[in-house]
Amino acid sequence: MLKKLCYSTFILIIFSCQEPPERHCSDFKTGEFQSVLVVKDTFRSSFVRQNDLQIEQFKASVDSFKIRWINDCEYILKKIHPKNREEEKSNHIKILTTTDSSYTFEFNTVGDSKKIRGTAFKID
């Protein structure tokens, strides 16, 4: 019994010491993308990002956002021409994982603890 406990503890220590997967977030600072969010329904949008500017099309509307990069994997989006108080709130986006052509992210409205996950695919 003691032998099994020691073996299990050893395995647990080895797996808990693994480094997180490597992210190449800077590959996604510019380009043309499509994103997919699933929150009770599936939402798709397309956007073009150029370092500190993002232009996004969702359904029939087009919006422009100012980007402030916190680090290579996190940034704040702020709508340039908000139409109401809700649109004045900034969104915090954190890139969680990357592949060669996509990234998984989570975002929330600054000050709100509810986070939503999505995936963006680079199309250019």
Protein backbone atom coordinates (compact mmCIF):
# COMPACT_ATOMS: atom_id res chain seq x y z
CA MET A 1 0.00 0.00 0.00
CA LEU A 2 2.79 2.43 0.94
CA LYS A 3 4.57 1.57 -2.30
CA LYS A 4 1.47 2.48 -4.36
CA LEU A 5 1.05 5.74 -2.45
CA CYS A 6 4.69 6.73 -3.07
CA TYR A 7 4.40 5.82 -6.76
CA SER A 8 1.18 7.83 -7.15
CA THR A 9 2.72 10.83 -5.40
CA PHE A 10 5.79 10.65 -7.65
CA ILE A 11 3.62 10.57 -10.81
CA LEU A 12 1.54 13.48 -9.55
CA ILE A 13 4.65 15.56 -8.87
CA ILE A 14 6.08 14.86 -12.33
CA PHE A 15 2.90 15.88 -14.14
CA SER A 16 2.32 18.97 -12.00
CA CYS A 17 5.81 20.29 -12.78
CA GLN A 18 5.31 20.41 -16.54
CA GLU A 19 5.63 23.82 -18.11
CA PRO A 20 2.55 25.32 -19.75
CA PRO A 21 2.36 25.03 -23.54
CA GLU A 22 4.40 27.57 -25.44
CA ARG A 23 2.37 30.43 -26.93
CA HIS A 24 3.37 32.48 -29.97
CA CYS A 25 1.02 35.39 -29.38
CA SER A 26 3.04 37.95 -31.34
CA ASP A 27 2.16 36.00 -34.52
CA PHE A 28 -1.41 37.26 -34.07
CA LYS A 29 -0.86 40.99 -33.51
CA THR A 30 -1.67 41.74 -37.14
CA GLY A 31 -3.71 40.03 -39.81
CA GLU A 32 -7.19 39.08 -40.88
CA PHE A 33 -9.16 36.76 -38.60
CA GLN A 34 -12.47 35.01 -38.04
CA SER A 35 -13.61 34.30 -34.50
CA VAL A 36 -16.13 31.90 -33.03
CA LEU A 37 -17.78 32.30 -29.62
CA VAL A 38 -20.30 29.90 -28.14
CA VAL A 39 -22.55 31.41 -25.46
CA LYS A 40 -25.92 29.63 -25.62
CA ASP A 41 -25.61 30.29 -29.36
CA THR A 42 -22.71 30.44 -31.81
CA PHE A 43 -21.45 33.91 -32.73
CA ARG A 44 -19.08 34.51 -35.64
CA SER A 45 -17.28 37.69 -36.56
CA SER A 46 -14.43 38.70 -38.81
CA PHE A 47 -11.85 41.35 -38.09
CA VAL A 48 -8.65 42.94 -39.34
CA ARG A 49 -6.01 43.87 -36.76
CA GLN A 50 -3.09 46.23 -37.33
CA ASN A 51 -1.11 46.50 -34.06
CA ASP A 52 -3.18 49.18 -32.30
CA LEU A 53 -6.35 49.16 -34.44
CA GLN A 54 -9.00 46.50 -34.99
CA ILE A 55 -11.90 46.74 -37.42
CA GLU A 56 -14.56 44.12 -36.77
CA GLN A 57 -17.62 43.01 -38.70
CA PHE A 58 -20.38 41.25 -36.77
CA LYS A 59 -23.58 40.51 -38.67
CA ALA A 60 -24.37 43.76 -40.52
CA SER A 61 -22.41 46.18 -38.36
CA VAL A 62 -18.79 47.30 -38.56
CA ASP A 63 -16.98 48.68 -35.51
CA SER A 64 -13.50 50.08 -34.92
CA PHE A 65 -11.51 49.47 -31.75
CA LYS A 66 -8.33 50.92 -30.30
CA ILE A 67 -5.97 48.22 -29.00
CA ARG A 68 -3.67 48.66 -26.03
CA TRP A 69 -1.31 45.70 -25.68
CA ILE A 70 -0.56 44.81 -22.05
CA ASN A 71 1.96 42.16 -23.13
CA ASP A 72 2.32 39.83 -26.13
CA CYS A 73 -0.66 37.73 -25.02
CA GLU A 74 -3.07 40.27 -23.46
CA TYR A 75 -4.70 43.42 -24.74
CA ILE A 76 -7.53 45.85 -24.07
CA LEU A 77 -10.09 46.72 -26.77
CA LYS A 78 -11.89 50.06 -26.56
CA LYS A 79 -14.55 51.04 -29.09
CA ILE A 80 -13.57 54.21 -30.94
CA HIS A 81 -17.12 55.52 -31.51
CA PRO A 82 -19.40 54.07 -28.81
CA LYS A 83 -23.12 54.63 -29.25
CA ASN A 84 -24.11 54.14 -25.60
CA ARG A 85 -22.69 53.67 -22.09
CA GLU A 86 -22.41 49.90 -22.47
CA GLU A 87 -20.24 50.28 -25.58
CA GLU A 88 -17.94 52.67 -23.69
CA LYS A 89 -16.72 49.78 -21.53
CA SER A 90 -13.41 48.20 -22.55
CA ASN A 91 -12.85 44.48 -23.07
CA HIS A 92 -9.85 42.54 -21.78
CA ILE A 93 -8.65 39.72 -24.06
CA LYS A 94 -6.13 37.09 -23.04
CA ILE A 95 -4.68 34.61 -25.53
CA LEU A 96 -4.54 31.23 -23.77
CA THR A 97 -3.12 28.90 -26.43
CA THR A 98 -1.86 29.23 -30.00
CA THR A 99 -1.37 27.00 -33.01
CA ASP A 100 0.21 27.93 -36.32
CA SER A 101 -3.08 29.39 -37.62
CA SER A 102 -5.37 30.00 -34.61
CA TYR A 103 -5.55 30.97 -30.99
CA THR A 104 -7.90 30.30 -28.10
CA PHE A 105 -8.77 33.32 -25.99
CA GLU A 106 -10.90 34.43 -23.12
CA PHE A 107 -12.40 37.87 -22.75
CA ASN A 108 -14.43 39.87 -20.33
CA THR A 109 -15.64 43.41 -19.90
CA VAL A 110 -13.16 45.25 -17.70
CA GLY A 111 -14.50 45.11 -14.14
CA ASP A 112 -16.70 42.07 -14.81
CA SER A 113 -15.56 38.67 -13.55
CA LYS A 114 -17.55 36.61 -16.12
CA LYS A 115 -15.18 35.35 -18.82
CA ILE A 116 -16.12 33.98 -22.22
CA ARG A 117 -13.88 31.74 -24.32
CA GLY A 118 -13.54 31.69 -28.06
CA THR A 119 -11.25 30.78 -30.92
CA ALA A 120 -9.86 33.04 -33.63
CA PHE A 121 -8.52 31.72 -36.94
CA LYS A 122 -6.01 33.65 -39.01
CA ILE A 123 -7.22 33.73 -42.63
CA ASP A 124 -4.43 35.62 -44.42
